[in-house]
Structures are given as structure tokens and as C-alpha cells.
C-alpha atoms as a PDB file:
ATOM      1  CA  ALA A   1      13.322   1.223 -20.095  1.00  0.00           C
ATOM      2  CA  VAL A   2      14.158  -0.213 -17.016  1.00  0.00           C
ATOM      3  CA  THR A   3      11.025   1.345 -15.034  1.00  0.00           C
ATOM      4  CA  ALA A   4       8.948  -0.565 -16.989  1.00  0.00           C
ATOM      5  CA  ARG A   5      10.733  -3.846 -16.640  1.00  0.00           C
ATOM      6  CA  ARG A   6      10.416  -3.619 -13.245  1.00  0.00           C
ATOM      7  CA  LEU A   7       6.989  -2.063 -13.319  1.00  0.00           C
ATOM      8  CA  ALA A   8       6.252  -5.397 -15.846  1.00  0.00           C
ATOM      9  CA  TRP A   9       7.810  -8.139 -13.147  1.00  0.00           C
ATOM     10  CA  GLY A  10       6.115  -6.244 -10.123  1.00  0.00           C
ATOM     11  CA  LYS A  11       2.830  -6.378 -11.759  1.00  0.00           C
ATOM     12  CA  PHE A  12       2.432  -9.425 -13.509  1.00  0.00           C
ATOM     13  CA  THR A  13       4.318 -11.858 -11.330  1.00  0.00           C
ATOM     14  CA  ASN A  14       1.816 -14.698 -10.524  1.00  0.00           C
ATOM     15  CA  ALA A  15      -0.521 -12.658 -12.977  1.00  0.00           C
ATOM     16  CA  GLY A  16      -1.129  -9.677 -10.428  1.00  0.00           C
ATOM     17  CA  GLN A  17      -2.117 -11.909  -7.552  1.00  0.00           C
ATOM     18  CA  THR A  18       0.152 -10.310  -4.999  1.00  0.00           C
ATOM     19  CA  CYS A  19      -0.880  -7.841  -2.168  1.00  0.00           C
ATOM     20  CA  VAL A  20       2.229  -5.802  -3.477  1.00  0.00           C
ATOM     21  CA  ALA A  21       1.451  -5.450  -6.941  1.00  0.00           C
ATOM     22  CA  PRO A  22       0.822  -2.212  -8.157  1.00  0.00           C
ATOM     23  CA  ASP A  23      -2.387  -1.085  -8.601  1.00  0.00           C
ATOM     24  CA  TYR A  24      -2.064   1.882 -10.989  1.00  0.00           C
ATOM     25  CA  VAL A  25       0.333   3.944 -12.405  1.00  0.00           C
ATOM     26  CA  LEU A  26       0.736   7.829 -12.194  1.00  0.00           C
ATOM     27  CA  VAL A  27       3.195   9.014 -14.797  1.00  0.00           C
ATOM     28  CA  THR A  28       3.912  12.760 -15.889  1.00  0.00           C
ATOM     29  CA  HIS A  29       3.330  14.056 -19.310  1.00  0.00           C
ATOM     30  CA  ALA A  30       7.082  14.047 -19.954  1.00  0.00           C
ATOM     31  CA  ALA A  31       7.490  10.308 -18.981  1.00  0.00           C
ATOM     32  CA  ARG A  32       4.240   9.000 -20.250  1.00  0.00           C
ATOM     33  CA  ALA A  33       5.131   8.697 -24.124  1.00  0.00           C
ATOM     34  CA  PRO A  34       8.414   6.577 -23.142  1.00  0.00           C
ATOM     35  CA  LEU A  35       6.990   4.839 -20.601  1.00  0.00           C
ATOM     36  CA  LEU A  36       3.723   3.444 -22.988  1.00  0.00           C
ATOM     37  CA  ALA A  37       6.475   2.481 -25.707  1.00  0.00           C
ATOM     38  CA  ALA A  38       8.450   0.447 -23.263  1.00  0.00           C
ATOM     39  CA  LEU A  39       5.786  -1.518 -21.125  1.00  0.00           C
ATOM     40  CA  PRO A  40       4.265  -3.820 -24.010  1.00  0.00           C
ATOM     41  CA  GLU A  41       7.866  -4.682 -25.271  1.00  0.00           C
ATOM     42  CA  ALA A  42       9.030  -5.602 -21.560  1.00  0.00           C
ATOM     43  CA  ILE A  43       5.998  -7.744 -21.234  1.00  0.00           C
ATOM     44  CA  HIS A  44       6.989  -9.381 -24.685  1.00  0.00           C
ATOM     45  CA  ARG A  45      10.834  -9.786 -23.266  1.00  0.00           C
ATOM     46  CA  MET A  46       9.240 -11.835 -20.337  1.00  0.00           C
ATOM     47  CA  PHE A  47       6.658 -13.363 -21.570  1.00  0.00           C
ATOM     48  CA  GLY A  48       6.804 -13.830 -25.281  1.00  0.00           C
ATOM     49  CA  ALA A  49       4.236 -12.821 -28.112  1.00  0.00           C
ATOM     50  CA  ASP A  50       1.953 -15.002 -26.136  1.00  0.00           C
ATOM     51  CA  PRO A  51       2.056 -15.270 -22.672  1.00  0.00           C
ATOM     52  CA  ARG A  52      -0.583 -17.826 -22.445  1.00  0.00           C
ATOM     53  CA  THR A  53       2.328 -20.000 -23.696  1.00  0.00           C
ATOM     54  CA  SER A  54       4.869 -18.834 -21.210  1.00  0.00           C
ATOM     55  CA  ALA A  55       5.596 -21.291 -18.679  1.00  0.00           C
ATOM     56  CA  ASP A  56       6.566 -18.161 -16.280  1.00  0.00           C
ATOM     57  CA  TYR A  57       2.842 -16.729 -16.593  1.00  0.00           C
ATOM     58  CA  GLY A  58       0.328 -18.086 -14.075  1.00  0.00           C
ATOM     59  CA  ARG A  59      -3.651 -17.900 -14.434  1.00  0.00           C
ATOM     60  CA  ILE A  60      -6.552 -16.762 -12.056  1.00  0.00           C
ATOM     61  CA  VAL A  61      -6.987 -18.436  -8.679  1.00  0.00           C
ATOM     62  CA  ASN A  62     -11.012 -19.299  -9.447  1.00  0.00           C
ATOM     63  CA  ASP A  63     -13.702 -18.416 -11.556  1.00  0.00           C
ATOM     64  CA  ARG A  64     -15.499 -15.925  -9.589  1.00  0.00           C
ATOM     65  CA  HIS A  65     -12.228 -13.735  -9.347  1.00  0.00           C
ATOM     66  CA  PHE A  66     -11.926 -14.530 -12.937  1.00  0.00           C
ATOM     67  CA  ARG A  67     -14.970 -12.574 -14.011  1.00  0.00           C
ATOM     68  CA  ARG A  68     -14.351  -9.626 -11.541  1.00  0.00           C
ATOM     69  CA  LEU A  69     -11.099  -9.181 -13.504  1.00  0.00           C
ATOM     70  CA  THR A  70     -12.637  -9.547 -16.968  1.00  0.00           C
ATOM     71  CA  GLY A  71     -15.042  -7.093 -15.847  1.00  0.00           C
ATOM     72  CA  LEU A  72     -12.599  -4.304 -15.198  1.00  0.00           C
ATOM     73  CA  THR A  73     -10.361  -4.800 -18.503  1.00  0.00           C
ATOM     74  CA  ALA A  74     -13.247  -2.364 -19.974  1.00  0.00           C
ATOM     75  CA  GLU A  75     -11.978   0.816 -18.420  1.00  0.00           C
ATOM     76  CA  GLY A  76     -10.028   3.233 -20.809  1.00  0.00           C
ATOM     77  CA  ASP A  77      -8.023   2.605 -23.794  1.00  0.00           C
ATOM     78  CA  LEU A  78      -6.629  -0.596 -24.441  1.00  0.00           C
ATOM     79  CA  LEU A  79      -2.515  -0.259 -24.805  1.00  0.00           C
ATOM     80  CA  THR A  80      -1.819  -4.419 -24.630  1.00  0.00           C
ATOM     81  CA  GLY A  81      -3.308  -7.313 -23.860  1.00  0.00           C
ATOM     82  CA  GLY A  82      -7.310  -7.484 -23.089  1.00  0.00           C
ATOM     83  CA  THR A  83      -7.613 -11.330 -24.017  1.00  0.00           C
ATOM     84  CA  SER A  84      -8.866 -13.517 -22.208  1.00  0.00           C
ATOM     85  CA  ASP A  85     -10.129 -17.393 -21.836  1.00  0.00           C
ATOM     86  CA  ALA A  86     -12.289 -18.552 -19.307  1.00  0.00           C
ATOM     87  CA  ALA A  87     -11.574 -22.415 -19.465  1.00  0.00           C
ATOM     88  CA  GLU A  88      -8.103 -21.818 -18.547  1.00  0.00           C
ATOM     89  CA  ARG A  89      -8.631 -18.676 -16.583  1.00  0.00           C
ATOM     90  CA  TYR A  90      -6.484 -16.993 -18.535  1.00  0.00           C
ATOM     91  CA  ILE A  91      -5.987 -13.167 -18.597  1.00  0.00           C
ATOM     92  CA  ALA A  92      -3.225 -11.512 -20.678  1.00  0.00           C
ATOM     93  CA  PRO A  93      -1.040  -8.766 -18.900  1.00  0.00           C
ATOM     94  CA  THR A  94      -3.167  -5.742 -19.735  1.00  0.00           C
ATOM     95  CA  VAL A  95      -2.302  -2.405 -19.652  1.00  0.00           C
ATOM     96  CA  LEU A  96      -5.124   0.579 -19.718  1.00  0.00           C
ATOM     97  CA  THR A  97      -4.044   4.150 -20.354  1.00  0.00           C
ATOM     98  CA  ASP A  98      -6.735   7.328 -20.011  1.00  0.00           C
ATOM     99  CA  VAL A  99      -8.758   5.672 -17.012  1.00  0.00           C
ATOM    100  CA  ALA A 100     -11.123   7.435 -15.274  1.00  0.00           C
ATOM    101  CA  PRO A 101      -9.915   8.079 -11.812  1.00  0.00           C
ATOM    102  CA  GLY A 102     -13.251   6.794 -10.372  1.00  0.00           C
ATOM    103  CA  ALA A 103     -13.733   3.696 -12.917  1.00  0.00           C
ATOM    104  CA  PRO A 104     -14.410   0.418 -10.912  1.00  0.00           C
ATOM    105  CA  VAL A 105     -10.612  -0.681 -11.836  1.00  0.00           C
ATOM    106  CA  MET A 106      -9.631   2.520  -9.776  1.00  0.00           C
ATOM    107  CA  THR A 107     -11.505   2.155  -6.758  1.00  0.00           C
ATOM    108  CA  GLU A 108     -10.767  -1.434  -5.477  1.00  0.00           C
ATOM    109  CA  GLU A 109      -7.938  -3.312  -5.327  1.00  0.00           C
ATOM    110  CA  ILE A 110      -7.462  -5.410  -8.678  1.00  0.00           C
ATOM    111  CA  PHE A 111      -5.240  -8.244  -7.280  1.00  0.00           C
ATOM    112  CA  GLY A 112      -5.049  -9.441 -11.017  1.00  0.00           C
ATOM    113  CA  PRO A 113      -2.864  -8.550 -14.168  1.00  0.00           C
ATOM    114  CA  VAL A 114      -4.660  -5.334 -15.040  1.00  0.00           C
ATOM    115  CA  LEU A 115      -2.391  -2.214 -15.139  1.00  0.00           C
ATOM    116  CA  PRO A 116      -4.319   1.363 -15.263  1.00  0.00           C
ATOM    117  CA  ILE A 117      -2.137   4.174 -15.980  1.00  0.00           C
ATOM    118  CA  LEU A 118      -3.014   8.042 -15.487  1.00  0.00           C
ATOM    119  CA  THR A 119      -1.311  10.971 -16.354  1.00  0.00           C
ATOM    120  CA  VAL A 120      -0.548  14.039 -13.606  1.00  0.00           C
ATOM    121  CA  ARG A 121       0.954  17.396 -14.031  1.00  0.00           C
ATOM    122  CA  GLY A 122       3.934  16.537 -11.615  1.00  0.00           C
ATOM    123  CA  VAL A 123       4.414  15.424  -8.186  1.00  0.00           C
ATOM    124  CA  ASP A 124       2.117  17.544  -6.367  1.00  0.00           C
ATOM    125  CA  GLU A 125      -0.689  16.147  -8.508  1.00  0.00           C
ATOM    126  CA  ALA A 126       0.240  12.740  -7.619  1.00  0.00           C
ATOM    127  CA  ILE A 127       0.265  13.386  -4.025  1.00  0.00           C
ATOM    128  CA  ASP A 128      -3.146  14.758  -3.836  1.00  0.00           C
ATOM    129  CA  PHE A 129      -4.332  11.731  -5.871  1.00  0.00           C
ATOM    130  CA  ILE A 130      -3.002   9.225  -3.764  1.00  0.00           C
ATOM    131  CA  ASN A 131      -3.870  11.194  -0.382  1.00  0.00           C
ATOM    132  CA  ALA A 132      -7.444  10.867  -1.617  1.00  0.00           C
ATOM    133  CA  ARG A 133      -7.696   7.401  -1.606  1.00  0.00           C
ATOM    134  CA  ASP A 134      -7.069   4.908   1.066  1.00  0.00           C
ATOM    135  CA  LYS A 135      -3.593   4.842   2.221  1.00  0.00           C
ATOM    136  CA  PRO A 136      -1.780   1.939  -0.316  1.00  0.00           C
ATOM    137  CA  LEU A 137       0.031  -1.101   1.394  1.00  0.00           C
ATOM    138  CA  SER A 138       3.090   0.248  -0.911  1.00  0.00           C
ATOM    139  CA  LEU A 139       4.292   3.150  -2.760  1.00  0.00           C
ATOM    140  CA  TYR A 140       7.012   3.000  -5.731  1.00  0.00           C
ATOM    141  CA  ALA A 141       8.430   5.912  -6.603  1.00  0.00           C
ATOM    142  CA  PHE A 142      10.230   6.005  -9.673  1.00  0.00           C
ATOM    143  CA  THR A 143      12.018   9.113  -9.512  1.00  0.00           C
ATOM    144  CA  ARG A 144      15.760  10.516  -9.624  1.00  0.00           C
ATOM    145  CA  ASP A 145      14.545  13.657  -8.123  1.00  0.00           C
ATOM    146  CA  LYS A 146      15.795  13.867  -4.511  1.00  0.00           C
ATOM    147  CA  ALA A 147      12.789  16.912  -4.132  1.00  0.00           C
ATOM    148  CA  ALA A 148      10.093  14.729  -4.773  1.00  0.00           C
ATOM    149  CA  ARG A 149      11.240  11.639  -3.270  1.00  0.00           C
ATOM    150  CA  GLN A 150      11.169  13.641  -0.117  1.00  0.00           C
ATOM    151  CA  ALA A 151       7.945  15.177  -1.021  1.00  0.00           C
ATOM    152  CA  LEU A 152       6.337  11.584  -1.241  1.00  0.00           C
ATOM    153  CA  LEU A 153       8.100  10.724   1.895  1.00  0.00           C
ATOM    154  CA  GLU A 154       6.804  13.698   3.924  1.00  0.00           C
ATOM    155  CA  ARG A 155       3.403  14.228   2.398  1.00  0.00           C
ATOM    156  CA  THR A 156       1.856  10.671   1.880  1.00  0.00           C
ATOM    157  CA  SER A 157       1.113   7.764   4.224  1.00  0.00           C
ATOM    158  CA  SER A 158       1.785   4.402   2.938  1.00  0.00           C
ATOM    159  CA  GLY A 159       2.990   0.777   4.643  1.00  0.00           C
ATOM    160  CA  GLY A 160       6.466   0.873   2.925  1.00  0.00           C
ATOM    161  CA  LEU A 161       7.948   3.192   0.310  1.00  0.00           C
ATOM    162  CA  VAL A 162      10.271   1.832  -2.313  1.00  0.00           C
ATOM    163  CA  HIS A 163      11.875   4.130  -4.710  1.00  0.00           C
ATOM    164  CA  ASN A 164      12.715   2.707  -8.406  1.00  0.00           C
ATOM    165  CA  ALA A 165      11.490  -1.008  -7.813  1.00  0.00           C
ATOM    166  CA  PRO A 166       8.320  -2.794  -7.157  1.00  0.00           C
ATOM    167  CA  MET A 167       8.016  -5.703  -4.508  1.00  0.00           C
ATOM    168  CA  ILE A 168      11.519  -6.142  -3.637  1.00  0.00           C
ATOM    169  CA  HIS A 169      10.753  -4.727   0.224  1.00  0.00           C
ATOM    170  CA  LEU A 170       9.593  -8.051   0.856  1.00  0.00           C
ATOM    171  CA  GLY A 171      13.118  -9.899   0.574  1.00  0.00           C
ATOM    172  CA  VAL A 172      14.884  -7.434   3.403  1.00  0.00           C
ATOM    173  CA  PRO A 173      14.555  -9.165   6.311  1.00  0.00           C
ATOM    174  CA  ASP A 174      15.272  -5.971   8.318  1.00  0.00           C
ATOM    175  CA  LEU A 175      12.700  -3.970   7.205  1.00  0.00           C
ATOM    176  CA  PRO A 176       9.188  -4.212   8.702  1.00  0.00           C
ATOM    177  CA  PHE A 177       6.194  -4.945   6.433  1.00  0.00           C
ATOM    178  CA  GLY A 178       2.583  -4.090   7.260  1.00  0.00           C
ATOM    179  CA  GLY A 179      -0.271  -1.732   6.187  1.00  0.00           C
ATOM    180  CA  VAL A 180      -1.241   1.343   7.909  1.00  0.00           C
ATOM    181  CA  GLY A 181      -4.955   2.109   7.844  1.00  0.00           C
ATOM    182  CA  GLU A 182      -7.442   0.259   5.239  1.00  0.00           C
ATOM    183  CA  SER A 183      -3.958  -1.736   3.827  1.00  0.00           C
ATOM    184  CA  GLY A 184      -3.384  -3.160   7.512  1.00  0.00           C
ATOM    185  CA  MET A 185      -1.877  -2.536  10.786  1.00  0.00           C
ATOM    186  CA  GLY A 186       0.867  -3.578  12.120  1.00  0.00           C
ATOM    187  CA  ALA A 187       4.276  -5.062  10.861  1.00  0.00           C
ATOM    188  CA  TYR A 188       6.368  -8.285  10.498  1.00  0.00           C
ATOM    189  CA  HIS A 189       9.245  -9.874   9.197  1.00  0.00           C
ATOM    190  CA  GLY A 190      12.644 -10.148  11.407  1.00  0.00           C
ATOM    191  CA  LYS A 191      12.677  -8.280  14.581  1.00  0.00           C
ATOM    192  CA  ALA A 192       9.109  -6.542  13.810  1.00  0.00           C
ATOM    193  CA  SER A 193       7.566  -9.713  13.881  1.00  0.00           C
ATOM    194  CA  PHE A 194       9.115 -10.753  17.435  1.00  0.00           C
ATOM    195  CA  ASP A 195       7.595  -7.340  18.308  1.00  0.00           C
ATOM    196  CA  THR A 196       3.995  -8.086  16.539  1.00  0.00           C
ATOM    197  CA  PHE A 197       3.323 -11.622  17.302  1.00  0.00           C
ATOM    198  CA  SER A 198       4.618 -10.647  21.298  1.00  0.00           C
ATOM    199  CA  HIS A 199       2.252  -9.609  24.257  1.00  0.00           C
ATOM    200  CA  ARG A 200       4.110  -7.112  26.395  1.00  0.00           C
ATOM    201  CA  LYS A 201       2.377  -8.070  29.794  1.00  0.00           C
ATOM    202  CA  PRO A 202       2.811  -5.113  32.330  1.00  0.00           C
ATOM    203  CA  VAL A 203       3.184  -6.413  36.094  1.00  0.00           C
ATOM    204  CA  LEU A 204       2.689  -3.814  39.024  1.00  0.00           C
ATOM    205  CA  SER A 205       2.552  -4.367  42.675  1.00  0.00           C
ATOM    206  CA  LYS A 206       1.001  -1.544  44.904  1.00  0.00           C
ATOM    207  CA  PRO A 207       2.057  -1.752  48.605  1.00  0.00           C
ATOM    208  CA  THR A 208      -1.012  -1.965  51.255  1.00  0.00           C
ATOM    209  CA  ARG A 209       0.574   0.054  53.488  1.00  0.00           C
ATOM    210  CA  PRO A 210       0.376   3.400  53.688  1.00  0.00           C
ATOM    211  CA  ASP A 211      -2.342   3.401  51.664  1.00  0.00           C
ATOM    212  CA  THR A 212      -2.245   6.414  49.744  1.00  0.00           C
ATOM    213  CA  LEU A 213      -4.973   5.681  47.417  1.00  0.00           C
ATOM    214  CA  ARG A 214      -7.182   7.111  50.460  1.00  0.00           C
ATOM    215  CA  LEU A 215      -7.069  10.382  48.787  1.00  0.00           C
ATOM    216  CA  ILE A 216      -8.961   9.182  45.941  1.00  0.00           C
ATOM    217  CA  TYR A 217     -11.619   7.470  47.489  1.00  0.00           C
ATOM    218  CA  ALA A 218     -15.297   8.601  47.627  1.00  0.00           C
ATOM    219  CA  PRO A 219     -16.560  10.929  49.437  1.00  0.00           C
ATOM    220  CA  HIS A 220     -14.131  13.403  47.551  1.00  0.00           C
ATOM    221  CA  SER A 221     -13.155  16.942  48.931  1.00  0.00           C
ATOM    222  CA  SER A 222     -11.220  19.496  47.344  1.00  0.00           C
ATOM    223  CA  ARG A 223      -7.829  18.068  48.379  1.00  0.00           C
ATOM    224  CA  SER A 224      -8.600  14.677  47.248  1.00  0.00           C
ATOM    225  CA  PHE A 225      -9.732  16.406  43.715  1.00  0.00           C
ATOM    226  CA  ALA A 226      -6.624  18.552  43.746  1.00  0.00           C
ATOM    227  CA  PHE A 227      -4.867  15.102  44.043  1.00  0.00           C
ATOM    228  CA  VAL A 228      -6.328  13.646  41.358  1.00  0.00           C
ATOM    229  CA  ALA A 229      -5.690  16.846  39.186  1.00  0.00           C
ATOM    230  CA  LYS A 230      -2.118  16.989  40.082  1.00  0.00           C
ATOM    231  CA  ALA A 231      -1.477  13.213  39.496  1.00  0.00           C
ATOM    232  CA  VAL A 232      -3.203  12.674  36.233  1.00  0.00           C
ATOM    233  CA  ALA A 233      -1.515  16.077  34.854  1.00  0.00           C
ATOM    234  CA  ARG A 234       1.990  14.534  35.809  1.00  0.00           C
ATOM    235  CA  THR A 235       1.175  11.175  34.068  1.00  0.00           C
ATOM    236  CA  HIS A 236      -1.349  12.396  30.939  1.00  0.00           C
ATOM    237  CA  PRO A 237      -0.269  16.355  30.688  1.00  0.00           C
ATOM    238  CA  LEU A 238      -3.116  16.780  27.919  1.00  0.00           C
ATOM    239  CA  LEU A 239      -5.991  14.886  30.287  1.00  0.00           C
ATOM    240  CA  GLY A 240      -4.682  16.953  33.228  1.00  0.00           C
ATOM    241  CA  ARG A 241      -4.785  20.452  31.746  1.00  0.00           C
ATOM    242  CA  LYS A 242      -7.496  22.843  32.576  1.00  0.00           C
ATOM    243  CA  ARG A 243     -10.028  23.553  29.914  1.00  0.00           C
END
């Protein structure tokens, strides 16, 4: 029930239009039935029987985005939601099950109130699934299993990893926030912002006497080559290593 409430909050805040909203859920066979039963109830408790009338539920930002999202709701089996109104750019909180991994809703950032749920046998299959796709901006692991947590930490790459809740890492100023690979580069928040948006300008002064650089001037000799190789090996071990 707690997982369902937190997923519903993280996914359907701002009608799913946040960069850290969960794009999909991987659930084990043991947890599948309880989660599927709890999610519609959690959505109902947050937004009422008709989310269209809820003051806490948003609308889609523009018509183009609305049309794209309504096309994604046709995937898999519908657990809850699925209704929409183009005049209001309203799409109900929608949960899909048994979605094909290659379906369009699984191959792009959704950025809207559509949540696909896929079933996996365990953490190893979940890790393989995650690693077969672009590195996520955020990865949320709902588990008390310490071994599963450690495996997700060590064997996946993501902008951030949060245990048992979505989105909350954005509110911790001491944690850097950013992506990796396709989800972005660099990080900000707190001191990380200062480091990211500052340029460390290197300044180097080389005396003119004695002119030790003459050893690398052309024409080259066996002595000058030996000197360069030694210098490179000292500062860049991999470049200076004999092949």
C-alpha cells in the first residue's frame, strides 16, 4: 500500500509531466497482485472518483503532447484510467499492465500520466531489463532486501538511486542532481551547482631559462625520443607504456 501511494504521487504529480516521474514499474510475481490492487485505490484517495474534478490534478501542457500521450494509452491491458478529453487536454491517471517491452510507451520518455507495469522474475531480470535501455535519470527501488539494493547500486547506472520513494532526492540540497549518458551529464544543487557551473581555469608559468623544452624540438634524436617517452610515462602512464 505504501509503495502504491508513493508511486501514484511520484507518477501523477503535475499529470506526470516531471523529468523524474517513473516511466515504468518492474514488479515481481509475488508483489504483482497486491500492487495492482493497491494502485487504483491510491489514485482514488488522492484525486477522487473523477480526477477531472480534482483541484490537485493537472492538465497536459499542449495539444501536440496530448495527442502523443493518448496514443500511448492503447498499449497492453488497462488497469485503471484511459479516459481523456481533448478540449481540456485531460488524461486520467492511467495504469497499463502486460505491456510489450518494445511498445512505443516503453521506448520513449512518457512525460505524462501513463504508467506501464511489467512483471519480472526477480532482481537479476530487472537489472538486465534496465541495463538493456538508456541509463535512467532516476532509479527507484522499492525493496527491503539489502542484497537487492546492493545489486541495483553496483550493477546499474543512473543519475540517482532512491530507495522506497520517487522524486524526494530533488529536495535534498546536499545531494547532486543530474543524469548520466542519455539522461544528461553533470549535476547541480548545493555545492554541486557551484562546481558544475564554475570553470577552473588552469594557469601555468614556464621559465625561459634554462630552456629544457629544447629536448623536444625538431630535429629529433634517439635521446630526445627517450626523454619524451620518459616524461609521458611519468604524467600519463597508459600513453607512455610500451606496446
